Protein backbone atom coordinates (compact mmCIF):
# COMPACT_ATOMS: atom_id res chain seq x y z
CA MET A 1 0.00 0.00 0.00
CA ILE A 2 1.22 3.51 -0.74
CA PHE A 3 0.10 6.78 0.83
CA LEU A 4 1.15 10.09 -0.73
CA ARG A 5 1.58 13.16 1.45
CA TRP A 6 3.43 16.48 1.57
CA LYS A 7 5.68 17.79 4.36
CA PHE A 8 7.75 21.01 4.25
CA GLY A 9 7.06 21.17 0.51
CA ILE A 10 8.46 17.68 -0.07
CA LYS A 11 6.33 15.01 -1.76
CA ILE A 12 6.59 11.79 0.24
CA CYS A 13 5.54 8.32 -0.88
CA GLU A 14 4.83 6.26 2.24
CA VAL A 15 4.96 2.52 1.55
CA TRP A 16 3.55 -0.18 3.84
CA TYR A 17 4.41 -3.87 3.36
CA LYS A 18 4.94 -3.74 -0.43
CA ILE A 19 4.41 -1.79 -3.61
CA ASN A 20 1.91 -3.43 -5.91
CA ASP A 21 2.42 -3.39 -9.68
CA GLY A 22 1.80 0.06 -11.09
CA GLU A 23 1.87 1.81 -7.71
CA GLN A 24 5.37 3.31 -7.88
CA ASP A 25 5.24 7.13 -7.80
CA THR A 26 8.35 8.30 -9.66
CA LYS A 27 7.63 11.97 -8.85
CA SER A 28 8.02 11.53 -5.09
CA CYS A 29 11.12 13.15 -3.68
CA LEU A 30 11.22 10.86 -0.65
CA TYR A 31 10.21 7.23 -0.16
CA GLU A 32 9.49 6.02 3.39
CA TYR A 33 9.22 2.24 3.71
CA TYR A 34 7.58 0.45 6.63
CA CYS A 35 7.22 -3.26 7.40
CA LEU A 36 8.54 -4.63 4.11
CA ASP A 37 9.12 -8.39 3.93
CA GLU A 38 12.25 -7.83 1.83
CA LYS A 39 15.04 -5.27 2.05
CA ILE A 40 14.02 -1.85 0.78
CA PRO A 41 14.35 -1.24 -2.98
CA VAL A 42 16.47 1.59 -4.36
CA TYR A 43 15.00 2.66 -7.70
CA LYS A 44 17.04 4.20 -10.50
CA GLY A 45 17.85 7.80 -9.63
CA TYR A 46 17.31 7.30 -5.89
CA ARG A 47 19.79 7.05 -3.01
CA LYS A 48 19.35 5.23 0.28
CA LEU A 49 19.08 7.48 3.32
CA ASP A 50 18.85 4.76 5.94
CA SER A 51 17.45 1.31 6.63
CA SER A 52 16.79 -0.79 9.70
CA ASP A 53 15.44 -4.17 10.75
CA PHE A 54 12.02 -4.20 12.39
CA PHE A 55 10.36 -6.99 14.33
CA THR A 56 6.73 -7.71 14.98
CA LEU A 57 4.40 -10.52 15.99
CA GLN A 58 1.89 -11.83 13.47
CA THR A 59 -1.13 -14.05 14.00
CA ASP A 60 -2.29 -16.33 11.18
CA LEU A 61 -6.00 -15.61 10.73
CA THR A 62 -6.45 -18.48 8.27
CA GLU A 63 -6.54 -20.80 11.29
CA SER A 64 -9.91 -21.75 12.77
CA LYS A 65 -11.50 -19.78 15.63
CA GLU A 66 -10.78 -22.70 17.95
CA GLU A 67 -7.10 -22.79 16.95
CA LEU A 68 -6.75 -19.04 17.41
CA PHE A 69 -8.34 -19.17 20.86
CA ASN A 70 -6.35 -22.21 22.02
CA LYS A 71 -3.04 -20.54 21.12
CA ILE A 72 -3.79 -17.77 23.59
CA GLU A 73 -2.15 -18.10 27.01
CA LYS A 74 -4.37 -19.80 29.61
CA ASN A 75 -4.93 -16.84 31.97
CA THR A 76 -5.62 -14.52 29.04
CA ARG A 77 -8.27 -16.96 27.77
CA TYR A 78 -9.87 -16.84 31.21
CA GLU A 79 -9.92 -13.03 31.18
CA ILE A 80 -11.46 -13.02 27.69
CA ARG A 81 -14.26 -15.32 28.85
CA ARG A 82 -14.79 -13.25 31.97
CA ALA A 83 -15.02 -10.00 29.98
CA GLU A 84 -17.71 -11.60 27.84
CA LYS A 85 -19.69 -12.51 30.97
CA GLU A 86 -19.30 -8.93 32.20
CA GLY A 87 -21.21 -7.73 29.15
CA ALA A 88 -18.39 -6.62 26.84
CA SER A 89 -19.54 -5.54 23.37
CA ILE A 90 -17.78 -4.44 20.20
CA VAL A 91 -18.40 -1.81 17.53
CA PHE A 92 -16.59 -2.44 14.24
CA ASN A 93 -16.11 0.83 12.30
CA PHE A 94 -15.09 0.40 8.68
CA SER A 95 -13.58 3.32 6.76
CA LYS A 96 -16.94 4.24 5.26
CA ASP A 97 -18.52 4.29 8.75
CA LEU A 98 -15.86 6.72 9.97
CA LEU A 99 -16.48 9.05 7.06
CA LEU A 100 -20.26 8.94 7.60
CA ASN A 101 -20.01 9.38 11.37
CA SER A 102 -17.19 11.79 12.17
CA ASP A 103 -18.08 11.74 15.89
CA THR A 104 -16.48 8.30 16.33
CA LEU A 105 -13.18 9.48 14.89
CA ALA A 106 -13.30 12.71 16.87
CA GLN A 107 -13.94 10.82 20.13
CA PHE A 108 -11.09 8.40 19.45
CA ASP A 109 -8.73 11.26 18.61
CA GLU A 110 -9.65 13.10 21.81
CA GLU A 111 -8.97 10.00 23.93
CA TYR A 112 -5.73 9.29 22.05
CA VAL A 113 -4.33 12.76 22.69
CA LYS A 114 -5.59 12.78 26.27
CA MET A 115 -4.03 9.40 27.13
CA TYR A 116 -0.55 10.35 25.91
CA ASN A 117 -0.66 13.85 27.36
CA LYS A 118 -1.38 12.30 30.75
CA LYS A 119 1.81 10.27 30.30
CA GLY A 120 3.74 13.51 29.79
CA MET A 121 4.02 13.05 26.02
CA ASN A 122 3.16 15.96 23.76
CA ILE A 123 1.05 14.19 21.14
CA SER A 124 -0.81 16.05 18.39
CA SER A 125 -4.11 15.13 16.78
CA ILE A 126 -4.03 12.35 14.17
CA LYS A 127 -7.61 12.89 13.02
CA ASP A 128 -6.67 14.32 9.61
CA ARG A 129 -4.28 11.47 8.85
CA ILE A 130 -6.84 8.80 9.75
CA THR A 131 -9.48 10.62 7.69
CA GLU A 132 -7.21 10.47 4.63
CA LEU A 133 -6.61 6.75 5.19
CA ALA A 134 -10.35 6.21 5.57
CA LYS A 135 -10.92 7.85 2.19
CA LYS A 136 -8.70 5.12 0.71
CA GLU A 137 -10.52 2.46 2.76
CA ASN A 138 -7.29 1.60 4.57
CA ILE A 139 -8.44 1.94 8.18
CA ILE A 140 -10.70 0.24 10.71
CA ILE A 141 -11.41 1.38 14.27
CA THR A 142 -12.92 -1.02 16.80
CA GLU A 143 -14.47 -0.02 20.11
CA GLY A 144 -14.73 -2.11 23.26
CA LYS A 145 -17.73 -1.16 25.38
CA LEU A 146 -19.09 -1.86 28.86
CA ASN A 147 -22.61 -0.63 29.64
CA ASN A 148 -22.61 1.09 26.25
CA ILE A 149 -19.59 3.22 27.20
CA THR A 150 -16.43 2.94 25.09
CA TYR A 151 -13.33 2.21 27.19
CA ALA A 152 -10.98 0.83 24.52
CA TYR A 153 -10.17 1.69 20.92
CA HIS A 154 -8.04 -0.28 18.43
CA VAL A 155 -7.01 1.25 15.10
CA TYR A 156 -5.92 -1.00 12.22
CA LEU A 157 -4.07 -0.05 9.06
CA LEU A 158 -5.23 -2.29 6.21
CA CYS A 159 -2.99 -3.53 3.42
CA ASP A 160 -4.26 -6.31 1.14
CA LYS A 161 -4.90 -9.25 3.50
CA THR A 162 -3.02 -7.78 6.48
CA ALA A 163 -4.48 -5.71 9.34
CA ARG A 164 -1.84 -3.91 11.41
CA LEU A 165 -2.56 -2.74 14.94
CA THR A 166 -1.46 0.89 14.69
CA PHE A 167 -2.99 2.58 17.75
CA SER A 168 -4.46 1.19 20.97
CA VAL A 169 -6.16 3.46 23.50
CA SER A 170 -7.64 2.35 26.82
CA ASN A 171 -9.45 4.94 28.91
CA PHE A 172 -9.31 3.81 32.54
CA ARG A 173 -7.99 7.06 33.95
CA GLU A 174 -11.23 9.04 34.22
CA ASN A 175 -14.95 8.98 33.49
CA ILE A 176 -15.24 5.39 34.71
CA ALA A 177 -18.72 4.24 35.72
CA SER A 178 -19.19 3.23 39.35
CA ASN A 179 -19.62 -0.46 38.43
CA VAL A 180 -16.50 -0.57 36.22
CA ASP A 181 -12.91 -0.76 37.48
CA LYS A 182 -9.43 -0.76 35.95
CA ASN A 183 -9.22 -4.56 35.93
CA MET A 184 -12.49 -4.83 34.02
CA ILE A 185 -11.14 -2.47 31.37
CA GLY A 186 -7.96 -4.55 31.15
CA ARG A 187 -10.07 -7.65 30.53
CA LEU A 188 -12.18 -5.73 28.01
CA ASN A 189 -9.03 -4.76 26.09
CA ARG A 190 -7.89 -8.40 25.88
CA TRP A 191 -11.35 -9.52 24.80
CA LEU A 192 -11.40 -6.78 22.15
CA HIS A 193 -8.12 -8.02 20.62
CA TYR A 194 -9.55 -11.51 20.27
CA GLU A 195 -12.86 -10.29 18.87
CA ASP A 196 -10.96 -8.07 16.45
CA MET A 197 -9.11 -11.13 15.16
CA ILE A 198 -12.35 -13.01 14.56
CA LEU A 199 -14.09 -10.10 12.84
CA LEU A 200 -11.04 -9.39 10.68
CA LYS A 201 -10.85 -13.07 9.78
CA GLU A 202 -14.54 -13.07 8.82
CA ASN A 203 -13.94 -10.01 6.63
CA GLY A 204 -11.25 -11.70 4.57
CA PHE A 205 -8.00 -10.78 6.35
CA ASP A 206 -5.30 -13.44 6.67
CA VAL A 207 -2.76 -11.74 8.96
CA TYR A 208 -3.14 -9.85 12.25
CA ASP A 209 0.02 -7.78 12.72
CA TRP A 210 0.64 -6.67 16.30
CA GLY A 211 2.40 -3.48 15.19
CA GLY A 212 5.88 -4.18 16.51
CA TYR A 213 7.92 -6.19 19.00
CA ASP A 214 10.94 -4.81 20.86
CA ILE A 215 13.59 -7.55 20.74
CA LYS A 216 15.75 -5.51 23.15
CA GLU A 217 12.96 -5.88 25.72
CA ASN A 218 12.82 -2.16 26.49
CA LEU A 219 9.06 -2.61 26.33
CA ALA A 220 8.96 -5.92 28.19
CA GLY A 221 5.43 -5.43 29.55
CA ILE A 222 3.95 -4.69 26.12
CA ASN A 223 5.93 -7.56 24.56
CA LYS A 224 4.58 -9.96 27.17
CA PHE A 225 1.01 -8.83 26.58
CA LYS A 226 1.30 -9.40 22.82
CA LYS A 227 3.03 -12.78 23.19
CA TYR A 228 0.11 -14.06 25.27
CA PHE A 229 -1.93 -14.15 22.05
CA GLY A 230 0.37 -16.63 20.35
CA GLY A 231 1.75 -14.62 17.41
CA ILE A 232 4.86 -15.56 15.44
CA LEU A 233 7.97 -13.33 15.62
CA THR A 234 8.53 -11.86 12.14
CA LYS A 235 11.40 -9.78 10.73
CA GLN A 236 10.59 -6.80 8.50
CA TYR A 237 12.46 -3.82 7.06
CA ASN A 238 12.07 -0.05 7.34
CA GLY A 239 13.97 2.60 5.41
CA LYS A 240 14.09 5.78 3.35
CA THR A 241 15.33 6.68 -0.14
CA THR A 242 15.40 9.98 -2.04
CA ASN A 243 16.02 11.28 -5.56
CA SER A 244 17.21 14.63 -4.19
CA LEU A 245 20.97 15.07 -3.85
CA LEU A 246 20.41 18.10 -1.59
CA LEU A 247 18.11 16.16 0.73
CA TRP A 248 20.56 13.23 0.80
CA VAL A 249 23.47 15.55 1.76
CA ILE A 250 21.45 17.35 4.46
CA TYR A 251 20.21 14.06 5.90
CA LYS A 252 23.72 12.58 6.04
CA LEU A 253 25.11 15.72 7.68
CA LEU A 254 22.36 15.70 10.31
CA ARG A 255 22.86 11.99 11.00
CA GLY A 256 26.60 12.50 11.28
CA ASN A 257 26.17 15.17 13.93
CA ARG A 258 24.13 12.95 16.25
């Protein structure tokens, strides 16, 4: 999948997973590659700026529902069942739904910014970017609800038969109903991941990509959470190329001064 955008007057071709036949944009000054299965290509007239290995976990959605569930760690399976008994429900928002009902996207964006700001991270709105992806039918947002209140959002970037977990937001910091606690929201979030897998499978997707795995274990808690769902460790490649000699020189000078 490719996504064209402009930044500081530079035309950027953002590539996820692969470039399909006929998709190459030869007028882009900068190529940004993410999650390629093979090392990044350097087309005629382009120079490599950088490249790096990237790791993620992937779940094979071609397996049966029973196989998917049984590969999940025992305690996580228990929490999924318990969340279901507690009345968890899901809303599956396709790209067209997000364009028709802008309130859903606005509410997600508000919770996304709020969650990271509370962690001391200065995060800007991503509403415009997701809207552009929705116009290309490359995005899905799922909501996990308790008592008809949304406490968890998952955002998936869609590319052919792959759905990549791109953003995950859980709101357990405020506005919690009196009969809902932090542990219930944690169970809801686990249940939502599993239900997402099933709904994505039923809608023709073959791969659930967990959006990254830190092999250096700097994010040990997040790694552990993802591994509980039984995904396979997969190596991918990220990188950048440009057809601008000036941009290449500036980039190399900036990298050399770090």
